[in-house]
Amino acid sequence: MNRPDLSVITVCMNRQQHLLATARKIAAWPYHQEHLILDWSSRVPVERAQLPPDSRIRLERVDGEQRWNLCRAYNLAARLARGRLLLKLDADCWPDQFDPGLVLAEDEKLCWFGSGPDGRLGQFLMPRTAFEAVGGFNEVLQGYGFDDKDLKARLMSLSFNVRSLPQSAIGVESHSIHERVSRNHLDAATASAYEK
């Protein structure tokens, strides 16, 4: 099969249990040339031997980061990736009922974002040229919840066509909000009923 020039980019910090489950599902998906996994200073480093024996997987690591920074981490992953198209999938996500026609499109102005609950909103498929045209994620932003909205707004301001993927396009491993990030500074914190 002639695979599209597509890089899946995934960043992981202390979430190996999710990464190991989803990496197998991504390895079974035939519509990409590369799965770049960036280990963002996990306490226990991700080892290549833990990942599926898929030659498309490329594991990189950043040492010395004390806190999770989604914007910096994914900007670096995008720079390291080789593909013309970028499919951002967090460590708990995989392409589920993903229309392969979307990765074959030649429209350099078309950007797709996830829709639905459980972390789907932050995922995207877009040409590298679109991501680079707006400077990637805004690295001033911290935490969760605004990085994708800001990215969409900047894309639209440059007349990129931003659309929503069907909810079924992306699968998400179920987990509590506390598992989303490294919480070294909040080790004693417990999840409220709203976060479970």
Protein backbone atom coordinates (compact mmCIF):
# COMPACT_ATOMS: atom_id res chain seq x y z
CA MET A 1 0.00 0.00 0.00
CA ASN A 2 1.22 3.49 -0.88
CA ARG A 3 0.86 5.35 2.43
CA PRO A 4 0.04 9.08 2.60
CA ASP A 5 2.82 11.43 3.69
CA LEU A 6 1.36 11.57 7.18
CA SER A 7 3.06 11.72 10.58
CA VAL A 8 1.09 10.81 13.68
CA ILE A 9 2.55 12.82 16.57
CA THR A 10 2.07 11.74 20.19
CA VAL A 11 3.67 13.20 23.31
CA CYS A 12 3.73 11.23 26.55
CA MET A 13 4.66 12.23 30.10
CA ASN A 14 4.16 9.48 32.68
CA ARG A 15 1.23 7.95 30.82
CA GLN A 16 2.78 4.77 29.52
CA GLN A 17 -0.28 2.67 30.34
CA HIS A 18 -2.31 4.73 27.84
CA LEU A 19 0.49 5.00 25.29
CA LEU A 20 1.13 1.26 25.21
CA ALA A 21 -2.55 0.54 24.60
CA THR A 22 -3.04 3.15 21.88
CA ALA A 23 0.31 2.61 20.12
CA ARG A 24 -0.86 -0.91 19.22
CA LYS A 25 -4.04 0.50 17.70
CA ILE A 26 -2.13 3.14 15.76
CA ALA A 27 0.32 0.50 14.51
CA ALA A 28 -2.66 -1.43 13.12
CA TRP A 29 -3.83 1.68 11.20
CA PRO A 30 -2.31 1.62 7.70
CA TYR A 31 -2.75 5.28 6.70
CA HIS A 32 0.48 6.85 7.98
CA GLN A 33 4.19 6.73 7.25
CA GLU A 34 5.44 7.66 10.70
CA HIS A 35 4.34 7.60 14.32
CA LEU A 36 6.59 10.01 16.18
CA ILE A 37 6.36 9.44 19.95
CA LEU A 38 8.01 12.09 22.11
CA ASP A 39 8.68 11.11 25.73
CA TRP A 40 8.48 14.43 27.61
CA SER A 41 10.74 13.61 30.60
CA SER A 42 8.68 10.72 31.96
CA ARG A 43 9.97 9.61 35.39
CA VAL A 44 10.37 6.12 33.93
CA PRO A 45 11.50 6.55 30.31
CA VAL A 46 9.47 4.97 27.55
CA GLU A 47 11.53 2.13 26.04
CA ARG A 48 11.35 1.20 22.36
CA ALA A 49 11.02 -2.47 23.32
CA GLN A 50 7.70 -1.65 25.06
CA LEU A 51 6.19 -0.38 21.82
CA PRO A 52 4.84 -2.43 18.92
CA PRO A 53 7.39 -3.81 16.43
CA ASP A 54 6.25 -1.31 13.79
CA SER A 55 9.08 0.26 11.78
CA ARG A 56 7.00 3.44 11.40
CA ILE A 57 7.39 4.23 15.13
CA ARG A 58 10.12 6.72 15.97
CA LEU A 59 10.75 7.33 19.68
CA GLU A 60 12.41 10.55 20.85
CA ARG A 61 12.95 11.82 24.40
CA VAL A 62 13.33 15.20 26.10
CA ASP A 63 15.08 15.15 29.48
CA GLY A 64 14.93 17.69 32.29
CA GLU A 65 11.32 18.91 32.01
CA GLN A 66 9.70 19.15 35.45
CA ARG A 67 6.19 19.99 34.27
CA TRP A 68 3.91 19.09 31.42
CA ASN A 69 3.69 21.80 28.77
CA LEU A 70 1.44 20.65 25.94
CA CYS A 71 2.21 23.58 23.64
CA ARG A 72 6.00 23.31 23.86
CA ALA A 73 5.91 19.51 23.68
CA TYR A 74 3.72 19.30 20.59
CA ASN A 75 5.56 22.12 18.82
CA LEU A 76 8.76 20.12 19.22
CA ALA A 77 7.05 16.91 18.07
CA ALA A 78 5.77 18.69 14.96
CA ARG A 79 9.27 19.99 14.19
CA LEU A 80 10.74 16.50 14.56
CA ALA A 81 8.05 14.84 12.43
CA ARG A 82 8.76 14.27 8.75
CA GLY A 83 5.29 14.14 7.19
CA ARG A 84 3.50 16.69 5.01
CA LEU A 85 0.38 16.06 7.11
CA LEU A 86 0.28 16.03 10.92
CA LEU A 87 -2.21 13.99 12.92
CA LYS A 88 -1.96 14.95 16.60
CA LEU A 89 -3.11 12.13 18.85
CA ASP A 90 -2.56 12.33 22.61
CA ALA A 91 -1.26 9.25 24.43
CA ASP A 92 -4.84 8.15 25.16
CA CYS A 93 -6.13 8.51 21.57
CA TRP A 94 -6.14 6.51 18.34
CA PRO A 95 -7.79 6.77 14.90
CA ASP A 96 -11.00 4.79 15.28
CA GLN A 97 -13.59 5.21 12.51
CA PHE A 98 -11.30 7.67 10.74
CA ASP A 99 -12.15 8.30 7.09
CA PRO A 100 -8.94 7.51 5.14
CA GLY A 101 -10.08 9.92 2.45
CA LEU A 102 -9.22 12.78 4.80
CA VAL A 103 -5.52 11.93 4.74
CA LEU A 104 -5.51 11.64 0.95
CA ALA A 105 -6.93 15.13 0.36
CA GLU A 106 -4.62 17.64 -1.29
CA ASP A 107 -6.29 20.76 0.15
CA GLU A 108 -3.56 22.74 1.95
CA LYS A 109 -6.16 25.05 3.55
CA LEU A 110 -8.25 22.30 5.20
CA CYS A 111 -7.75 21.57 8.92
CA TRP A 112 -9.74 18.98 10.87
CA PHE A 113 -10.24 19.01 14.66
CA GLY A 114 -11.70 16.34 16.90
CA SER A 115 -15.23 16.67 18.26
CA GLY A 116 -17.07 15.12 21.17
CA PRO A 117 -16.18 14.28 24.78
CA ASP A 118 -13.22 12.68 26.56
CA GLY A 119 -10.26 14.50 25.06
CA ARG A 120 -11.25 14.30 21.40
CA LEU A 121 -11.40 18.09 20.99
CA GLY A 122 -7.64 18.61 21.24
CA GLN A 123 -6.76 16.24 18.40
CA PHE A 124 -6.25 17.43 14.83
CA LEU A 125 -5.31 16.58 11.27
CA MET A 126 -3.78 19.37 9.21
CA PRO A 127 -1.08 20.10 6.67
CA ARG A 128 2.28 20.95 8.20
CA THR A 129 2.15 24.21 6.21
CA ALA A 130 -1.01 25.25 8.10
CA PHE A 131 0.50 24.45 11.51
CA GLU A 132 3.68 26.34 10.64
CA ALA A 133 1.80 29.30 9.10
CA VAL A 134 0.37 30.18 12.53
CA GLY A 135 3.54 29.31 14.45
CA GLY A 136 2.12 26.11 15.94
CA PHE A 137 0.73 26.15 19.46
CA ASN A 138 1.03 29.31 21.55
CA GLU A 139 3.75 28.39 24.06
CA VAL A 140 2.63 31.10 26.48
CA LEU A 141 -0.46 28.99 27.26
CA GLN A 142 -0.29 26.52 30.16
CA GLY A 143 -2.51 23.61 31.15
CA TYR A 144 -5.50 22.33 29.21
CA GLY A 145 -8.57 23.63 27.51
CA PHE A 146 -7.54 26.66 25.50
CA ASP A 147 -4.60 25.50 23.37
CA ASP A 148 -6.81 24.02 20.64
CA LYS A 149 -9.26 26.94 20.66
CA ASP A 150 -6.40 29.39 20.27
CA LEU A 151 -4.89 27.32 17.44
CA LYS A 152 -8.25 27.17 15.63
CA ALA A 153 -8.79 30.91 15.99
CA ARG A 154 -5.36 31.71 14.53
CA LEU A 155 -5.92 29.29 11.64
CA MET A 156 -9.28 30.89 10.85
CA SER A 157 -7.73 34.37 11.01
CA LEU A 158 -5.49 33.30 8.11
CA SER A 159 -8.47 31.89 6.15
CA PHE A 160 -7.76 28.23 6.79
CA ASN A 161 -10.87 26.06 6.54
CA VAL A 162 -11.40 24.58 10.03
CA ARG A 163 -13.82 21.66 10.22
CA SER A 164 -14.86 19.11 12.85
CA LEU A 165 -14.15 15.41 12.57
CA PRO A 166 -17.05 13.10 13.42
CA GLN A 167 -16.90 12.04 17.06
CA SER A 168 -16.40 8.44 15.92
CA ALA A 169 -13.16 9.31 14.09
CA ILE A 170 -11.08 9.27 17.28
CA GLY A 171 -11.12 6.71 20.05
CA VAL A 172 -10.12 7.62 23.60
CA GLU A 173 -8.97 5.42 26.49
CA SER A 174 -11.25 6.11 29.46
CA HIS A 175 -9.52 7.56 32.56
CA SER A 176 -9.79 10.28 35.21
CA ILE A 177 -8.60 13.83 34.63
CA HIS A 178 -5.71 13.28 37.10
CA GLU A 179 -4.11 10.86 34.67
CA ARG A 180 -3.89 13.52 31.96
CA VAL A 181 -0.79 15.24 33.30
CA SER A 182 2.18 14.73 35.56
CA ARG A 183 1.04 16.01 38.93
CA ASN A 184 4.27 15.87 40.95
CA HIS A 185 3.34 19.13 42.64
CA LEU A 186 -0.12 17.75 43.53
CA ASP A 187 0.71 14.22 44.64
CA ALA A 188 -1.64 14.47 47.60
CA ALA A 189 -4.54 15.70 45.47
CA THR A 190 -7.54 13.45 45.04
CA ALA A 191 -10.07 13.53 42.25
CA SER A 192 -13.46 15.02 42.92
CA ALA A 193 -16.59 13.24 41.69
CA TYR A 194 -16.61 15.60 38.69
CA GLU A 195 -13.12 14.51 37.59
CA LYS A 196 -13.63 10.73 37.70
